Amino acid sequence: TADVYADHLRYLTDKRIAYLTNNVKLTDGKGVLTTKFLEYDVNTKVGIYKKGGKVISKKTVLTSEEGIYYADLKDVYFKKNVKLKDPKYELETDSLLYNTEFETARFIAQTYIKDSSNRTIKTSDGYYNQQTGIAEFGKRPVVQDGAIQATGERMYSDDASGITRISGRAILIDTAEN
C-alpha cells in the first residue's frame, strides 16, 4: 500500500480522487516521492505530479518536472528534465521509467549516463538493474571510456564481472593505440 501525507487535502468522494498540496510525500515502503502538488486516484492507485517532484530510493535520487506514480506496480514514469543521481552514476534524459521495488531504470528516450569512473554512455533504449549491476542498451548506444569508444546495435554489461558484450555491427576504436 501507499501512504500519502500533505499539508492540505481536497478529496472528491464521488470520484475518489485526492488533490494534495504543500509538503506532499508519498511512500510505498521502497521509495519516497516528494512534490508540491499531487493528484492521487484512489481507485487506480495512480499519483500524478506536474510541478516538479523527487523520488528517493535508498541512495538513488530522481528528479523531474512531471511524473506518474503507479503504486501497485511500484513504477514511476518520469518526464521532462529527468535527472538521476546515484553513488555509481548520474543520468540525464527527457523520459525514464523507474521501478522502486527492483531498482531498475528503463531508458525510453535519448539518455546520457556518466559513471563514477567518468565512462559515458549515450543510449535511447535499454535498462540498468541496480541490484544486479546488469545493463542492456539498444538502438546503437555509444560508450566512451577514456581513449576507447565502442558502439554496436546492442550492448550488454555486467558490473560484477566487468565484461561488456557488443553485438550487431560492433565498432571499437582505441585512439590511444591508433
C-alpha atoms as a PDB file:
ATOM      1  CA  THR A   1       0.000   0.000   0.000  1.00  0.00           C
ATOM      2  CA  ALA A   2       0.992   3.606  -0.425  1.00  0.00           C
ATOM      3  CA  ASP A   3       0.871   6.190   2.350  1.00  0.00           C
ATOM      4  CA  VAL A   4       0.351   9.834   1.372  1.00  0.00           C
ATOM      5  CA  TYR A   5       0.935  12.941   3.508  1.00  0.00           C
ATOM      6  CA  ALA A   6       0.391  16.653   2.788  1.00  0.00           C
ATOM      7  CA  ASP A   7      -0.403  19.977   4.446  1.00  0.00           C
ATOM      8  CA  HIS A   8      -3.688  20.282   2.531  1.00  0.00           C
ATOM      9  CA  LEU A   9      -6.085  17.729   1.072  1.00  0.00           C
ATOM     10  CA  ARG A  10      -9.173  18.102  -1.108  1.00  0.00           C
ATOM     11  CA  TYR A  11     -10.958  14.789  -1.658  1.00  0.00           C
ATOM     12  CA  LEU A  12     -13.760  14.199  -4.155  1.00  0.00           C
ATOM     13  CA  THR A  13     -15.717  11.347  -2.587  1.00  0.00           C
ATOM     14  CA  ASP A  14     -17.804  10.570  -5.686  1.00  0.00           C
ATOM     15  CA  LYS A  15     -14.704  10.211  -7.947  1.00  0.00           C
ATOM     16  CA  ARG A  16     -12.334   9.046  -5.181  1.00  0.00           C
ATOM     17  CA  ILE A  17      -9.642  11.498  -6.267  1.00  0.00           C
ATOM     18  CA  ALA A  18      -7.416  13.323  -3.798  1.00  0.00           C
ATOM     19  CA  TYR A  19      -5.709  16.644  -4.521  1.00  0.00           C
ATOM     20  CA  LEU A  20      -2.790  17.132  -2.151  1.00  0.00           C
ATOM     21  CA  THR A  21      -0.783  20.343  -1.822  1.00  0.00           C
ATOM     22  CA  ASN A  22       2.259  21.617   0.093  1.00  0.00           C
ATOM     23  CA  ASN A  23       4.845  19.228   1.535  1.00  0.00           C
ATOM     24  CA  VAL A  24       3.369  16.236  -0.281  1.00  0.00           C
ATOM     25  CA  LYS A  25       5.031  12.905   0.498  1.00  0.00           C
ATOM     26  CA  LEU A  26       4.016   9.533  -0.943  1.00  0.00           C
ATOM     27  CA  THR A  27       5.765   6.348   0.157  1.00  0.00           C
ATOM     28  CA  ASP A  28       5.366   2.700  -0.786  1.00  0.00           C
ATOM     29  CA  GLY A  29       7.941   1.319   1.643  1.00  0.00           C
ATOM     30  CA  LYS A  30      10.590   1.170  -1.113  1.00  0.00           C
ATOM     31  CA  GLY A  31      10.776   4.785  -2.255  1.00  0.00           C
ATOM     32  CA  VAL A  32       9.569   8.224  -1.196  1.00  0.00           C
ATOM     33  CA  LEU A  33       8.076  10.752  -3.640  1.00  0.00           C
ATOM     34  CA  THR A  34       8.003  14.404  -2.583  1.00  0.00           C
ATOM     35  CA  THR A  35       6.333  17.207  -4.545  1.00  0.00           C
ATOM     36  CA  LYS A  36       4.326  20.412  -4.093  1.00  0.00           C
ATOM     37  CA  PHE A  37       1.129  19.137  -5.736  1.00  0.00           C
ATOM     38  CA  LEU A  38      -0.145  15.606  -6.303  1.00  0.00           C
ATOM     39  CA  GLU A  39      -3.330  14.278  -7.799  1.00  0.00           C
ATOM     40  CA  TYR A  40      -3.974  10.759  -6.488  1.00  0.00           C
ATOM     41  CA  ASP A  41      -6.676   8.453  -7.833  1.00  0.00           C
ATOM     42  CA  VAL A  42      -7.655   6.055  -5.048  1.00  0.00           C
ATOM     43  CA  ASN A  43      -9.413   3.686  -7.493  1.00  0.00           C
ATOM     44  CA  THR A  44      -6.405   3.138  -9.765  1.00  0.00           C
ATOM     45  CA  LYS A  45      -3.725   3.930  -7.140  1.00  0.00           C
ATOM     46  CA  VAL A  46      -2.037   6.318  -9.550  1.00  0.00           C
ATOM     47  CA  GLY A  47      -0.452   9.613  -8.488  1.00  0.00           C
ATOM     48  CA  ILE A  48       0.395  12.423 -10.920  1.00  0.00           C
ATOM     49  CA  TYR A  49       2.595  15.454 -10.362  1.00  0.00           C
ATOM     50  CA  LYS A  50       3.218  18.239 -12.876  1.00  0.00           C
ATOM     51  CA  LYS A  51       5.148  20.873 -10.934  1.00  0.00           C
ATOM     52  CA  GLY A  52       8.367  19.068 -10.082  1.00  0.00           C
ATOM     53  CA  GLY A  53       8.994  16.044  -7.941  1.00  0.00           C
ATOM     54  CA  LYS A  54      11.712  13.955  -6.362  1.00  0.00           C
ATOM     55  CA  VAL A  55      11.892  10.228  -5.612  1.00  0.00           C
ATOM     56  CA  ILE A  56      14.435   8.851  -3.158  1.00  0.00           C
ATOM     57  CA  SER A  57      15.019   5.107  -3.188  1.00  0.00           C
ATOM     58  CA  LYS A  58      17.909   4.047  -0.947  1.00  0.00           C
ATOM     59  CA  LYS A  59      20.896   6.093  -2.257  1.00  0.00           C
ATOM     60  CA  THR A  60      19.277   6.970  -5.596  1.00  0.00           C
ATOM     61  CA  VAL A  61      17.663  10.389  -6.113  1.00  0.00           C
ATOM     62  CA  LEU A  62      15.465  11.004  -9.175  1.00  0.00           C
ATOM     63  CA  THR A  63      14.036  14.403 -10.066  1.00  0.00           C
ATOM     64  CA  SER A  64      11.768  15.543 -12.901  1.00  0.00           C
ATOM     65  CA  GLU A  65       9.248  18.213 -13.788  1.00  0.00           C
ATOM     66  CA  GLU A  66       6.429  15.693 -14.256  1.00  0.00           C
ATOM     67  CA  GLY A  67       5.762  12.161 -13.145  1.00  0.00           C
ATOM     68  CA  ILE A  68       3.201   9.426 -12.886  1.00  0.00           C
ATOM     69  CA  TYR A  69       3.448   7.034  -9.959  1.00  0.00           C
ATOM     70  CA  TYR A  70       1.791   3.598 -10.199  1.00  0.00           C
ATOM     71  CA  ALA A  71       1.541   2.404  -6.581  1.00  0.00           C
ATOM     72  CA  ASP A  72       0.557  -1.202  -7.340  1.00  0.00           C
ATOM     73  CA  LEU A  73       3.484  -1.700  -9.721  1.00  0.00           C
ATOM     74  CA  LYS A  74       5.935   0.496  -7.773  1.00  0.00           C
ATOM     75  CA  ASP A  75       6.738   2.160 -11.122  1.00  0.00           C
ATOM     76  CA  VAL A  76       7.361   5.848 -11.709  1.00  0.00           C
ATOM     77  CA  TYR A  77       7.261   7.367 -15.187  1.00  0.00           C
ATOM     78  CA  PHE A  78       9.429  10.490 -15.096  1.00  0.00           C
ATOM     79  CA  LYS A  79       9.035  13.166 -17.779  1.00  0.00           C
ATOM     80  CA  LYS A  80      10.754  16.444 -18.642  1.00  0.00           C
ATOM     81  CA  ASN A  81      14.247  17.293 -17.390  1.00  0.00           C
ATOM     82  CA  VAL A  82      14.831  13.948 -15.668  1.00  0.00           C
ATOM     83  CA  LYS A  83      17.968  13.602 -13.545  1.00  0.00           C
ATOM     84  CA  LEU A  84      19.103  10.560 -11.616  1.00  0.00           C
ATOM     85  CA  LYS A  85      21.948  10.708  -9.101  1.00  0.00           C
ATOM     86  CA  ASP A  86      23.412   7.588  -7.561  1.00  0.00           C
ATOM     87  CA  PRO A  87      26.838   6.990  -5.978  1.00  0.00           C
ATOM     88  CA  LYS A  88      27.724   4.811  -9.007  1.00  0.00           C
ATOM     89  CA  TYR A  89      26.423   7.041 -11.823  1.00  0.00           C
ATOM     90  CA  GLU A  90      24.479  10.105 -12.956  1.00  0.00           C
ATOM     91  CA  LEU A  91      21.892  10.190 -15.708  1.00  0.00           C
ATOM     92  CA  GLU A  92      20.062  12.852 -17.742  1.00  0.00           C
ATOM     93  CA  THR A  93      17.115  12.273 -20.076  1.00  0.00           C
ATOM     94  CA  ASP A  94      13.673  13.528 -21.031  1.00  0.00           C
ATOM     95  CA  SER A  95      11.759  10.346 -20.107  1.00  0.00           C
ATOM     96  CA  LEU A  96      12.575   7.416 -17.846  1.00  0.00           C
ATOM     97  CA  LEU A  97      10.744   4.519 -16.218  1.00  0.00           C
ATOM     98  CA  TYR A  98      11.952   3.512 -12.756  1.00  0.00           C
ATOM     99  CA  ASN A  99      10.812   0.642 -10.553  1.00  0.00           C
ATOM    100  CA  THR A 100      11.418   1.281  -6.838  1.00  0.00           C
ATOM    101  CA  GLU A 101      10.992  -2.390  -5.846  1.00  0.00           C
ATOM    102  CA  PHE A 102      13.520  -3.893  -8.277  1.00  0.00           C
ATOM    103  CA  GLU A 103      15.625  -0.690  -8.569  1.00  0.00           C
ATOM    104  CA  THR A 104      15.562  -0.834 -12.347  1.00  0.00           C
ATOM    105  CA  ALA A 105      15.841   2.179 -14.664  1.00  0.00           C
ATOM    106  CA  ARG A 106      14.408   1.667 -18.172  1.00  0.00           C
ATOM    107  CA  PHE A 107      15.649   4.048 -20.887  1.00  0.00           C
ATOM    108  CA  ILE A 108      12.937   5.106 -23.345  1.00  0.00           C
ATOM    109  CA  ALA A 109      14.359   8.370 -24.747  1.00  0.00           C
ATOM    110  CA  GLN A 110      17.791   9.771 -25.606  1.00  0.00           C
ATOM    111  CA  THR A 111      19.733   9.263 -22.357  1.00  0.00           C
ATOM    112  CA  TYR A 112      23.185  10.411 -21.217  1.00  0.00           C
ATOM    113  CA  ILE A 113      24.874   8.420 -18.427  1.00  0.00           C
ATOM    114  CA  LYS A 114      28.166   9.136 -16.670  1.00  0.00           C
ATOM    115  CA  ASP A 115      29.502   6.621 -14.163  1.00  0.00           C
ATOM    116  CA  SER A 116      31.908   7.116 -11.248  1.00  0.00           C
ATOM    117  CA  SER A 117      34.914   6.246 -13.466  1.00  0.00           C
ATOM    118  CA  ASN A 118      33.916   9.007 -15.970  1.00  0.00           C
ATOM    119  CA  ARG A 119      32.796   6.475 -18.593  1.00  0.00           C
ATOM    120  CA  THR A 120      29.884   7.898 -20.593  1.00  0.00           C
ATOM    121  CA  ILE A 121      27.035   6.111 -22.339  1.00  0.00           C
ATOM    122  CA  LYS A 122      24.593   7.588 -24.851  1.00  0.00           C
ATOM    123  CA  THR A 123      21.535   5.426 -25.496  1.00  0.00           C
ATOM    124  CA  SER A 124      17.823   5.673 -26.206  1.00  0.00           C
ATOM    125  CA  ASP A 125      16.829   2.131 -25.311  1.00  0.00           C
ATOM    126  CA  GLY A 126      17.639  -0.337 -22.546  1.00  0.00           C
ATOM    127  CA  TYR A 127      17.723  -0.812 -18.819  1.00  0.00           C
ATOM    128  CA  TYR A 128      20.007  -0.894 -15.792  1.00  0.00           C
ATOM    129  CA  ASN A 129      19.264  -3.012 -12.725  1.00  0.00           C
ATOM    130  CA  GLN A 130      20.941  -1.519  -9.657  1.00  0.00           C
ATOM    131  CA  GLN A 131      20.521  -4.713  -7.620  1.00  0.00           C
ATOM    132  CA  THR A 132      22.272  -6.996 -10.112  1.00  0.00           C
ATOM    133  CA  GLY A 133      24.548  -4.451 -11.834  1.00  0.00           C
ATOM    134  CA  ILE A 134      23.383  -5.727 -15.214  1.00  0.00           C
ATOM    135  CA  ALA A 135      22.637  -3.331 -18.065  1.00  0.00           C
ATOM    136  CA  GLU A 136      21.490  -3.743 -21.617  1.00  0.00           C
ATOM    137  CA  PHE A 137      21.400  -0.969 -24.222  1.00  0.00           C
ATOM    138  CA  GLY A 138      19.883  -0.976 -27.712  1.00  0.00           C
ATOM    139  CA  LYS A 139      19.464   1.260 -30.765  1.00  0.00           C
ATOM    140  CA  ARG A 140      23.220   1.749 -31.311  1.00  0.00           C
ATOM    141  CA  PRO A 141      24.438   3.029 -27.955  1.00  0.00           C
ATOM    142  CA  VAL A 142      27.824   4.763 -27.776  1.00  0.00           C
ATOM    143  CA  VAL A 143      30.197   4.153 -24.869  1.00  0.00           C
ATOM    144  CA  GLN A 144      33.221   6.409 -24.311  1.00  0.00           C
ATOM    145  CA  ASP A 145      35.749   5.056 -21.791  1.00  0.00           C
ATOM    146  CA  GLY A 146      38.862   7.215 -21.859  1.00  0.00           C
ATOM    147  CA  ALA A 147      40.535   6.663 -25.238  1.00  0.00           C
ATOM    148  CA  ILE A 148      38.176   3.803 -26.133  1.00  0.00           C
ATOM    149  CA  GLN A 149      34.891   4.360 -27.947  1.00  0.00           C
ATOM    150  CA  ALA A 150      32.505   1.460 -28.597  1.00  0.00           C
ATOM    151  CA  THR A 151      29.229   1.132 -30.436  1.00  0.00           C
ATOM    152  CA  GLY A 152      27.010  -1.600 -31.847  1.00  0.00           C
ATOM    153  CA  GLU A 153      23.360  -2.486 -32.292  1.00  0.00           C
ATOM    154  CA  ARG A 154      23.161  -3.789 -28.699  1.00  0.00           C
ATOM    155  CA  MET A 155      25.403  -3.827 -25.629  1.00  0.00           C
ATOM    156  CA  TYR A 156      25.233  -5.972 -22.538  1.00  0.00           C
ATOM    157  CA  SER A 157      27.246  -5.076 -19.442  1.00  0.00           C
ATOM    158  CA  ASP A 158      27.792  -6.806 -16.096  1.00  0.00           C
ATOM    159  CA  ASP A 159      29.304  -4.673 -13.309  1.00  0.00           C
ATOM    160  CA  ALA A 160      30.336  -7.733 -11.253  1.00  0.00           C
ATOM    161  CA  SER A 161      32.461  -9.314 -13.992  1.00  0.00           C
ATOM    162  CA  GLY A 162      33.415  -6.059 -15.724  1.00  0.00           C
ATOM    163  CA  ILE A 163      32.538  -7.661 -19.056  1.00  0.00           C
ATOM    164  CA  THR A 164      30.749  -5.754 -21.808  1.00  0.00           C
ATOM    165  CA  ARG A 165      29.434  -7.582 -24.867  1.00  0.00           C
ATOM    166  CA  ILE A 166      28.709  -5.723 -28.113  1.00  0.00           C
ATOM    167  CA  SER A 167      26.657  -7.254 -30.909  1.00  0.00           C
ATOM    168  CA  GLY A 168      25.481  -6.172 -34.354  1.00  0.00           C
ATOM    169  CA  ARG A 169      27.949  -4.167 -36.442  1.00  0.00           C
ATOM    170  CA  ALA A 170      30.237  -3.680 -33.438  1.00  0.00           C
ATOM    171  CA  ILE A 171      32.895  -0.978 -33.668  1.00  0.00           C
ATOM    172  CA  LEU A 172      35.671  -0.480 -31.134  1.00  0.00           C
ATOM    173  CA  ILE A 173      38.060   2.450 -31.551  1.00  0.00           C
ATOM    174  CA  ASP A 174      41.124   2.940 -29.333  1.00  0.00           C
ATOM    175  CA  THR A 175      42.619   6.370 -30.087  1.00  0.00           C
ATOM    176  CA  ALA A 176      45.498   5.859 -27.642  1.00  0.00           C
ATOM    177  CA  GLU A 177      46.679   2.818 -29.587  1.00  0.00           C
ATOM    178  CA  ASN A 178      45.554   4.123 -33.012  1.00  0.00           C
END
